Amino acid sequence: MERTVLKREKPDGTGRQNEEKRMQGKIVKGIVGFYYVHIVESGVYECKAKGIFRKDRLKPLVGDNVEMEVTHE
């Protein structure tokens, strides 16, 4: 199973770029800290949110558009 992490989308498109491992998707389900993200081209991935969400006191919600990065294949 692939492990992935969620990242907040930046409206201005800034930040480091690694296009081959980053994908855009939409959260379709969230259960006990795991988020299921639908990527149009490749299906649904199980993800965990990065620590920046906790630091900023944000909680990803179903329906949010997110950027994800594959960290373990």
Protein backbone atom coordinates (compact mmCIF):
# COMPACT_ATOMS: atom_id res chain seq x y z
CA MET A 1 0.00 0.00 0.00
CA GLU A 2 1.26 3.45 -0.84
CA ARG A 3 1.58 5.98 1.96
CA THR A 4 0.78 9.57 1.22
CA VAL A 5 0.56 12.87 3.03
CA LEU A 6 -1.80 15.76 2.48
CA LYS A 7 -0.56 19.26 1.94
CA ARG A 8 -2.50 22.48 1.85
CA GLU A 9 -2.93 23.96 -1.60
CA LYS A 10 -1.24 27.33 -1.93
CA PRO A 11 -3.38 29.73 -3.94
CA ASP A 12 -0.37 31.46 -5.47
CA GLY A 13 1.29 28.20 -6.57
CA THR A 14 4.53 28.86 -4.67
CA GLY A 15 6.59 26.27 -2.88
CA ARG A 16 8.91 23.49 -3.92
CA GLN A 17 7.89 21.52 -6.96
CA ASN A 18 8.26 17.77 -7.52
CA GLU A 19 5.57 17.17 -10.10
CA GLU A 20 6.10 13.43 -10.57
CA LYS A 21 5.03 12.62 -7.01
CA ARG A 22 2.50 15.37 -6.30
CA MET A 23 -1.11 15.06 -7.28
CA GLN A 24 -4.26 17.13 -6.87
CA GLY A 25 -7.42 15.50 -5.53
CA LYS A 26 -10.49 15.82 -3.36
CA ILE A 27 -11.06 14.32 0.10
CA VAL A 28 -13.92 11.81 -0.15
CA LYS A 29 -13.78 10.31 3.36
CA GLY A 30 -12.05 10.94 6.68
CA ILE A 31 -11.78 8.37 9.48
CA VAL A 32 -9.67 8.68 12.67
CA GLY A 33 -6.84 10.76 11.20
CA PHE A 34 -6.80 9.02 7.81
CA TYR A 35 -8.15 10.76 4.75
CA TYR A 36 -9.19 9.13 1.50
CA VAL A 37 -8.38 11.30 -1.50
CA HIS A 38 -9.83 10.70 -4.97
CA ILE A 39 -7.42 11.41 -7.82
CA VAL A 40 -9.18 11.44 -11.19
CA GLU A 41 -6.35 9.70 -13.08
CA SER A 42 -5.46 7.03 -10.52
CA GLY A 43 -8.22 6.32 -7.98
CA VAL A 44 -8.45 6.69 -4.20
CA TYR A 45 -5.43 6.98 -1.88
CA GLU A 46 -5.28 6.62 1.90
CA CYS A 47 -3.47 9.64 3.38
CA LYS A 48 -2.41 11.26 6.65
CA ALA A 49 -2.33 15.01 7.10
CA LYS A 50 1.01 16.74 7.66
CA GLY A 51 1.81 18.31 11.03
CA ILE A 52 1.28 21.82 9.66
CA PHE A 53 -2.47 21.17 9.92
CA ARG A 54 -2.20 20.55 13.67
CA LYS A 55 0.16 23.49 14.12
CA ASP A 56 -2.27 25.84 12.38
CA ARG A 57 -5.27 24.18 14.10
CA LEU A 58 -6.81 23.21 10.77
CA LYS A 59 -8.78 20.07 10.07
CA PRO A 60 -9.15 18.75 6.52
CA LEU A 61 -12.81 18.13 5.65
CA VAL A 62 -14.61 15.96 3.11
CA GLY A 63 -14.91 17.93 -0.10
CA ASP A 64 -11.65 19.87 0.37
CA ASN A 65 -9.33 20.06 -2.62
CA VAL A 66 -5.84 18.98 -1.56
CA GLU A 67 -2.38 18.36 -2.91
CA MET A 68 -0.83 15.05 -1.94
CA GLU A 69 2.62 13.61 -2.17
CA VAL A 70 3.52 9.90 -2.27
CA THR A 71 6.08 9.24 0.48
CA HIS A 72 6.24 5.38 0.49
CA GLU A 73 5.44 3.05 -2.36
